[in-house]
């Protein structure tokens, strides 16, 4: 069974995706600073990022037992019935793969038990943080993302967070500020659109996106990622809210799982994934955004191919240069000039 197949196998993986980096592999990736992030860093004010903010972001790195808790709460249409709560989990490695001072990139790797009892490693989501960003990549509607300017006062002292799919295609971005008071360090985003996550997309619900707010907060045991989402979609020619959802993803420090399996996967594939990230960044910079078809099981239509190529490298069935060349073709074929708006 490939890692990509695991994403779609009931009982093995119950949620999304992620990645991590150590040692020499980390040194090999830091040269691949994303074009969009590099432009944002260059254009941003020169004020150094507050060290307390940076420490809070960097504190999210580590090894964790993770619980994912999704609950639809209040319906806003008389004919909509909220679905049952969904709680799942796994073990996750979160590593700093880049830290330039004003740009920090955290990559997640999910480790779950396979049907044969052996660990299965799945490259999971990535979160990129930029201090005082000039732009942020935002979801505009089905299949479209744009680099949105962050002006003056909105950028001053703020951090953008951009979240990426398992194959490093875009998911969503937002801007907010870290606060360190009342005994808690926490960052809260502005409200932004996001594409449906796999948990919803595979059910083909009547809504087709979220309008949501993120909060990341440090806890004594690790950290928590909280979301307040409105699930919205078209009805009778206009966008309406079907239901609200709360999401609480809890990361409690733990190393009681096969961390070495994640390290081995990343050691074999990190160079490939650095090249994939660079290819996405080039496509985004070229068009000031990107368009790529969404796909329920994989996030983006590129997911199966790009994740599959990493699997072949991990198994030793394909060289990294050959896989990178093929991945670049996949991304080039899948992307096009983004629409200015999406509905």
Protein backbone atom coordinates (compact mmCIF):
# COMPACT_ATOMS: atom_id res chain seq x y z
CA UNK A 1 0.00 0.00 0.00
CA UNK A 2 1.40 3.43 -0.91
CA UNK A 3 1.27 6.44 1.38
CA UNK A 4 -1.17 8.03 -1.06
CA UNK A 5 -3.48 5.01 -0.88
CA UNK A 6 -3.42 5.32 2.91
CA UNK A 7 -5.10 8.72 2.65
CA UNK A 8 -8.19 7.05 1.21
CA UNK A 9 -8.26 3.82 3.24
CA UNK A 10 -10.98 3.69 5.93
CA UNK A 11 -9.73 2.90 9.40
CA UNK A 12 -6.13 3.88 8.71
CA UNK A 13 -6.16 7.63 8.28
CA UNK A 14 -9.02 9.65 9.68
CA UNK A 15 -7.89 13.15 8.76
CA UNK A 16 -5.74 15.43 6.58
CA UNK A 17 -1.90 15.59 6.12
CA UNK A 18 1.65 17.06 7.30
CA UNK A 19 5.69 17.08 7.35
CA UNK A 20 9.09 17.51 9.23
CA UNK A 21 12.84 18.08 8.79
CA UNK A 22 16.05 17.38 10.72
CA UNK A 23 19.85 17.55 10.42
CA UNK A 24 21.40 17.61 6.98
CA UNK A 25 18.02 17.50 5.32
CA UNK A 26 17.17 20.82 6.94
CA UNK A 27 20.37 22.39 5.62
CA UNK A 28 19.47 21.23 2.11
CA UNK A 29 16.05 22.86 2.18
CA UNK A 30 16.82 26.31 3.57
CA UNK A 31 18.19 27.44 0.22
CA UNK A 32 14.74 27.03 -1.36
CA UNK A 33 13.09 30.15 0.03
CA UNK A 34 9.68 30.52 -1.68
CA UNK A 35 9.53 33.31 -4.26
CA UNK A 36 6.27 34.65 -2.86
CA UNK A 37 7.61 34.57 0.70
CA UNK A 38 10.93 36.12 -0.41
CA UNK A 39 9.06 38.95 -2.11
CA UNK A 40 6.92 39.47 0.99
CA UNK A 41 10.00 39.59 3.20
CA UNK A 42 11.76 42.06 0.90
CA UNK A 43 8.74 44.36 0.62
CA UNK A 44 7.86 44.29 4.32
CA UNK A 45 9.01 46.98 6.75
CA UNK A 46 12.48 46.36 8.17
CA UNK A 47 11.37 46.18 11.82
CA UNK A 48 12.64 42.94 13.31
CA UNK A 49 10.06 40.35 14.26
CA UNK A 50 9.29 40.43 18.02
CA UNK A 51 11.19 37.64 19.70
CA UNK A 52 8.19 36.71 21.87
CA UNK A 53 6.11 36.15 18.72
CA UNK A 54 8.87 34.09 17.14
CA UNK A 55 9.25 31.95 20.26
CA UNK A 56 5.52 31.24 20.25
CA UNK A 57 5.59 30.11 16.61
CA UNK A 58 8.72 28.03 17.10
CA UNK A 59 7.18 26.42 20.20
CA UNK A 60 4.71 24.63 17.94
CA UNK A 61 7.54 22.41 16.66
CA UNK A 62 7.90 19.04 18.36
CA UNK A 63 6.32 15.60 18.52
CA UNK A 64 2.67 15.30 19.50
CA UNK A 65 -0.34 13.16 20.19
CA UNK A 66 -3.04 14.98 18.21
CA UNK A 67 -6.82 14.99 18.59
CA UNK A 68 -9.00 16.43 15.80
CA UNK A 69 -12.50 17.42 16.97
CA UNK A 70 -15.04 18.73 14.41
CA UNK A 71 -18.56 19.75 15.45
CA UNK A 72 -21.30 21.38 13.43
CA UNK A 73 -23.28 23.52 15.88
CA UNK A 74 -25.99 25.96 14.77
CA UNK A 75 -27.91 25.50 11.48
CA UNK A 76 -29.08 28.63 9.65
CA UNK A 77 -31.41 27.00 7.14
CA UNK A 78 -34.61 25.29 8.27
CA UNK A 79 -34.00 22.25 6.06
CA UNK A 80 -30.38 21.65 7.13
CA UNK A 81 -29.59 19.12 9.88
CA UNK A 82 -26.07 19.26 11.41
CA UNK A 83 -24.01 16.12 10.94
CA UNK A 84 -22.73 14.12 13.91
CA UNK A 85 -19.51 15.29 15.59
CA UNK A 86 -16.33 13.69 14.28
CA UNK A 87 -13.35 13.04 16.54
CA UNK A 88 -10.18 11.40 15.26
CA UNK A 89 -6.47 11.60 15.90
CA UNK A 90 -2.97 10.41 15.34
CA UNK A 91 0.65 11.13 16.13
CA UNK A 92 2.42 14.01 14.48
CA UNK A 93 5.92 15.38 14.05
CA UNK A 94 6.20 19.15 13.51
CA UNK A 95 9.59 20.50 12.46
CA UNK A 96 10.99 23.93 11.61
CA UNK A 97 12.12 23.62 8.00
CA UNK A 98 12.98 27.30 7.59
CA UNK A 99 13.64 30.27 9.86
CA UNK A 100 14.99 33.48 8.35
CA UNK A 101 13.92 35.66 11.26
CA UNK A 102 10.80 37.10 9.66
CA UNK A 103 9.74 33.90 7.87
CA UNK A 104 9.16 30.63 9.73
CA UNK A 105 7.95 27.46 8.06
CA UNK A 106 6.60 24.51 10.04
CA UNK A 107 6.09 21.17 8.31
CA UNK A 108 3.93 18.38 9.75
CA UNK A 109 4.26 14.62 9.30
CA UNK A 110 1.46 12.33 10.45
CA UNK A 111 2.25 8.82 11.73
CA UNK A 112 -0.61 6.33 11.98
CA UNK A 113 -0.96 2.58 12.46
CA UNK A 114 -1.33 0.59 9.27
CA UNK A 115 -3.58 -2.42 8.87
CA UNK A 116 -0.55 -4.66 9.41
CA UNK A 117 0.36 -2.87 12.64
CA UNK A 118 3.39 -1.15 11.10
CA UNK A 119 3.65 2.66 11.11
CA UNK A 120 2.44 4.52 8.05
CA UNK A 121 3.88 7.97 7.42
CA UNK A 122 1.83 10.61 5.59
CA UNK A 123 3.13 14.03 4.66
CA UNK A 124 0.58 16.34 6.29
CA UNK A 125 -0.09 20.09 6.15
CA UNK A 126 2.43 22.92 6.25
CA UNK A 127 2.10 26.35 7.87
CA UNK A 128 4.22 29.33 6.76
CA UNK A 129 4.48 32.45 8.93
CA UNK A 130 5.61 35.86 7.59
CA UNK A 131 6.09 38.95 9.77
CA UNK A 132 4.60 42.19 8.41
CA UNK A 133 3.69 40.60 5.07
CA UNK A 134 3.33 42.62 1.88
CA UNK A 135 0.85 40.05 0.53
CA UNK A 136 -1.03 36.96 1.65
CA UNK A 137 -2.29 34.13 -0.55
CA UNK A 138 -6.08 34.00 -0.15
CA UNK A 139 -8.75 31.62 -1.41
CA UNK A 140 -11.11 33.34 -3.87
CA UNK A 141 -13.59 30.54 -4.57
CA UNK A 142 -13.55 27.15 -6.25
CA UNK A 143 -10.04 26.45 -7.55
CA UNK A 144 -8.70 30.02 -7.32
CA UNK A 145 -6.18 31.74 -5.03
CA UNK A 146 -4.78 35.29 -5.29
CA UNK A 147 -1.92 37.21 -3.71
CA UNK A 148 -3.82 39.87 -1.78
CA UNK A 149 -1.99 43.06 -0.69
CA UNK A 150 -1.68 43.71 3.04
CA UNK A 151 -1.55 47.47 3.44
CA UNK A 152 0.05 49.79 6.00
CA UNK A 153 -1.51 49.46 9.42
CA UNK A 154 -2.89 45.99 8.67
CA UNK A 155 0.65 44.68 8.12
CA UNK A 156 2.35 46.57 10.95
CA UNK A 157 3.20 44.15 13.73
CA UNK A 158 1.09 41.39 12.13
CA UNK A 159 1.94 37.89 10.96
CA UNK A 160 0.42 36.09 8.01
CA UNK A 161 -0.14 32.35 8.21
CA UNK A 162 -0.46 30.42 4.95
CA UNK A 163 -1.59 26.80 5.10
CA UNK A 164 -0.70 24.30 2.37
CA UNK A 165 -2.12 20.90 1.37
CA UNK A 166 -0.25 17.61 1.64
CA UNK A 167 1.12 18.06 -1.89
CA UNK A 168 2.12 21.69 -1.11
CA UNK A 169 -0.68 23.13 -3.22
CA UNK A 170 -2.39 26.10 -1.51
CA UNK A 171 -5.18 25.87 1.01
CA UNK A 172 -5.75 29.24 2.71
CA UNK A 173 -4.02 32.28 4.18
CA UNK A 174 -4.86 34.92 6.77
CA UNK A 175 -3.35 37.77 8.77
CA UNK A 176 -3.44 38.38 12.52
CA UNK A 177 -1.41 39.42 15.54
CA UNK A 178 0.12 37.52 18.42
CA UNK A 179 -0.94 38.52 21.94
CA UNK A 180 0.85 37.51 25.09
CA UNK A 181 -1.39 38.38 28.04
CA UNK A 182 -3.62 36.78 30.66
CA UNK A 183 -1.10 33.94 30.83
CA UNK A 184 -1.53 32.83 27.19
CA UNK A 185 0.35 33.38 23.92
CA UNK A 186 -2.17 33.29 21.07
CA UNK A 187 -2.61 34.41 17.46
CA UNK A 188 -6.00 35.07 15.88
CA UNK A 189 -6.54 35.45 12.14
CA UNK A 190 -8.87 37.67 10.21
CA UNK A 191 -11.89 35.94 8.65
CA UNK A 192 -11.06 34.30 5.33
CA UNK A 193 -12.48 31.81 2.88
CA UNK A 194 -11.07 28.26 2.82
CA UNK A 195 -11.75 25.31 0.50
CA UNK A 196 -13.54 22.30 1.94
CA UNK A 197 -11.38 19.88 3.87
CA UNK A 198 -11.37 16.23 2.88
CA UNK A 199 -13.67 15.36 5.79
CA UNK A 200 -16.44 17.38 4.12
CA UNK A 201 -15.48 17.35 0.44
CA UNK A 202 -15.76 13.57 0.17
CA UNK A 203 -19.38 13.77 1.38
CA UNK A 204 -20.38 16.23 -1.39
CA UNK A 205 -22.35 18.51 0.98
CA UNK A 206 -24.57 21.41 -0.14
CA UNK A 207 -21.96 23.97 0.99
CA UNK A 208 -18.72 24.42 -0.95
CA UNK A 209 -16.39 26.51 1.28
CA UNK A 210 -15.75 27.80 4.78
CA UNK A 211 -15.55 31.36 6.01
CA UNK A 212 -13.42 30.93 9.06
CA UNK A 213 -11.20 32.33 11.77
CA UNK A 214 -8.14 30.56 13.20
CA UNK A 215 -6.64 30.78 16.66
CA UNK A 216 -3.32 29.20 17.63
CA UNK A 217 -2.57 29.20 21.37
CA UNK A 218 0.18 27.65 23.46
CA UNK A 219 -0.90 25.35 26.31
CA UNK A 220 1.03 23.76 29.20
CA UNK A 221 0.95 20.46 27.28
CA UNK A 222 1.72 21.84 23.82
CA UNK A 223 -0.63 23.93 21.71
CA UNK A 224 -4.14 24.08 20.26
CA UNK A 225 -5.50 25.10 16.87
CA UNK A 226 -9.08 26.36 17.15
CA UNK A 227 -11.34 27.28 14.24
CA UNK A 228 -14.70 29.01 14.01
CA UNK A 229 -16.16 28.18 10.60
CA UNK A 230 -19.30 29.19 8.75
CA UNK A 231 -20.05 26.57 6.10
CA UNK A 232 -21.39 28.47 3.12
CA UNK A 233 -22.45 27.74 -0.43
CA UNK A 234 -24.76 28.83 -3.24
CA UNK A 235 -28.54 28.60 -3.04
CA UNK A 236 -30.93 30.30 -5.46
CA UNK A 237 -28.10 32.28 -6.99
CA UNK A 238 -26.60 33.67 -3.79
CA UNK A 239 -24.20 32.53 -1.06
CA UNK A 240 -25.87 31.44 2.17
CA UNK A 241 -24.69 30.04 5.50
CA UNK A 242 -25.79 26.46 6.09
CA UNK A 243 -24.27 25.86 9.52
CA UNK A 244 -21.56 26.95 11.94
CA UNK A 245 -18.74 24.60 12.96
CA UNK A 246 -16.23 24.60 15.78
CA UNK A 247 -12.90 22.81 15.34
CA UNK A 248 -10.47 22.05 18.16
CA UNK A 249 -7.22 20.35 17.12
CA UNK A 250 -5.17 19.62 20.25
CA UNK A 251 -1.43 18.95 20.14
CA UNK A 252 -0.12 17.37 23.36
CA UNK A 253 3.59 16.64 23.58
CA UNK A 254 4.41 12.95 23.18
CA UNK A 255 7.16 10.81 21.71
CA UNK A 256 5.38 7.51 22.36
CA UNK A 257 5.14 6.63 18.66
CA UNK A 258 7.56 5.71 15.83
CA UNK A 259 9.14 9.13 15.35
CA UNK A 260 12.02 7.47 13.48
CA UNK A 261 9.63 6.38 10.73
CA UNK A 262 8.79 10.02 10.03
CA UNK A 263 12.47 10.97 10.11
CA UNK A 264 13.33 8.25 7.62
CA UNK A 265 10.59 9.31 5.19
CA UNK A 266 11.65 12.93 5.34
CA UNK A 267 15.36 12.15 4.97
CA UNK A 268 14.53 10.35 1.71
CA UNK A 269 12.05 12.86 0.30
CA UNK A 270 12.95 16.33 1.65
CA UNK A 271 14.94 17.38 -1.43
CA UNK A 272 12.02 16.42 -3.66
CA UNK A 273 9.52 18.34 -1.53
CA UNK A 274 11.77 21.42 -1.50
CA UNK A 275 11.68 21.40 -5.30
CA UNK A 276 7.90 20.92 -5.30
CA UNK A 277 7.46 23.91 -2.99
CA UNK A 278 9.68 26.00 -5.26
CA UNK A 279 7.60 25.00 -8.32
CA UNK A 280 4.38 26.08 -6.59
CA UNK A 281 5.97 29.36 -5.51
CA UNK A 282 7.09 30.06 -9.06
CA UNK A 283 3.59 29.45 -10.40
CA UNK A 284 2.11 31.74 -7.73
CA UNK A 285 4.65 34.51 -8.31
CA UNK A 286 4.21 34.32 -12.10
CA UNK A 287 0.46 34.99 -11.98
CA UNK A 288 0.14 36.76 -8.60
CA UNK A 289 -1.92 33.76 -7.55
CA UNK A 290 -2.80 30.35 -8.92
CA UNK A 291 -5.68 28.29 -10.22
CA UNK A 292 -5.75 24.53 -9.71
CA UNK A 293 -8.72 22.17 -9.77
CA UNK A 294 -9.86 20.98 -6.35
CA UNK A 295 -10.29 17.23 -5.78
CA UNK A 296 -12.18 15.80 -2.82
CA UNK A 297 -9.83 13.01 -1.74
CA UNK A 298 -6.56 14.82 -2.37
CA UNK A 299 -7.28 18.51 -1.86
CA UNK A 300 -6.02 19.43 -5.33
CA UNK A 301 -5.98 17.51 -8.59
CA UNK A 302 -2.17 17.40 -8.28
CA UNK A 303 -2.31 15.51 -4.98
CA UNK A 304 -2.27 11.93 -6.19
CA UNK A 305 0.61 12.42 -8.61
CA UNK A 306 2.83 14.53 -6.34
CA UNK A 307 2.31 12.35 -3.27
CA UNK A 308 2.81 9.23 -5.39
CA UNK A 309 6.14 10.49 -6.72
CA UNK A 310 7.35 10.99 -3.14
CA UNK A 311 6.31 7.41 -2.39
CA UNK A 312 8.45 6.10 -5.24
CA UNK A 313 11.46 8.03 -3.94
CA UNK A 314 10.91 6.72 -0.40
CA UNK A 315 10.81 3.16 -1.75
CA UNK A 316 13.92 3.67 -3.90
CA UNK A 317 11.98 3.07 -7.13
CA UNK A 318 12.70 6.49 -8.69
CA UNK A 319 15.56 8.96 -8.45
CA UNK A 320 14.92 12.38 -6.92
CA UNK A 321 15.93 14.30 -10.12
CA UNK A 322 13.53 12.23 -12.24
CA UNK A 323 10.71 12.69 -9.75
CA UNK A 324 11.33 16.44 -9.53
CA UNK A 325 11.22 16.80 -13.31
CA UNK A 326 7.92 14.93 -13.43
CA UNK A 327 6.50 16.94 -10.51
CA UNK A 328 7.30 20.21 -12.27
CA UNK A 329 5.39 19.02 -15.32
CA UNK A 330 2.41 18.03 -13.15
CA UNK A 331 2.27 21.47 -11.55
CA UNK A 332 2.74 23.32 -14.83
CA UNK A 333 -0.03 21.31 -16.49
CA UNK A 334 -2.44 21.84 -13.56
CA UNK A 335 -2.01 25.59 -13.04
CA UNK A 336 -3.29 28.54 -14.99
CA UNK A 337 -3.89 32.29 -14.61
CA UNK A 338 -6.11 32.77 -11.54
CA UNK A 339 -9.54 34.33 -11.69
CA UNK A 340 -9.85 37.72 -9.97
CA UNK A 341 -12.79 36.51 -7.92
CA UNK A 342 -14.63 33.27 -7.30
CA UNK A 343 -18.16 32.49 -6.22
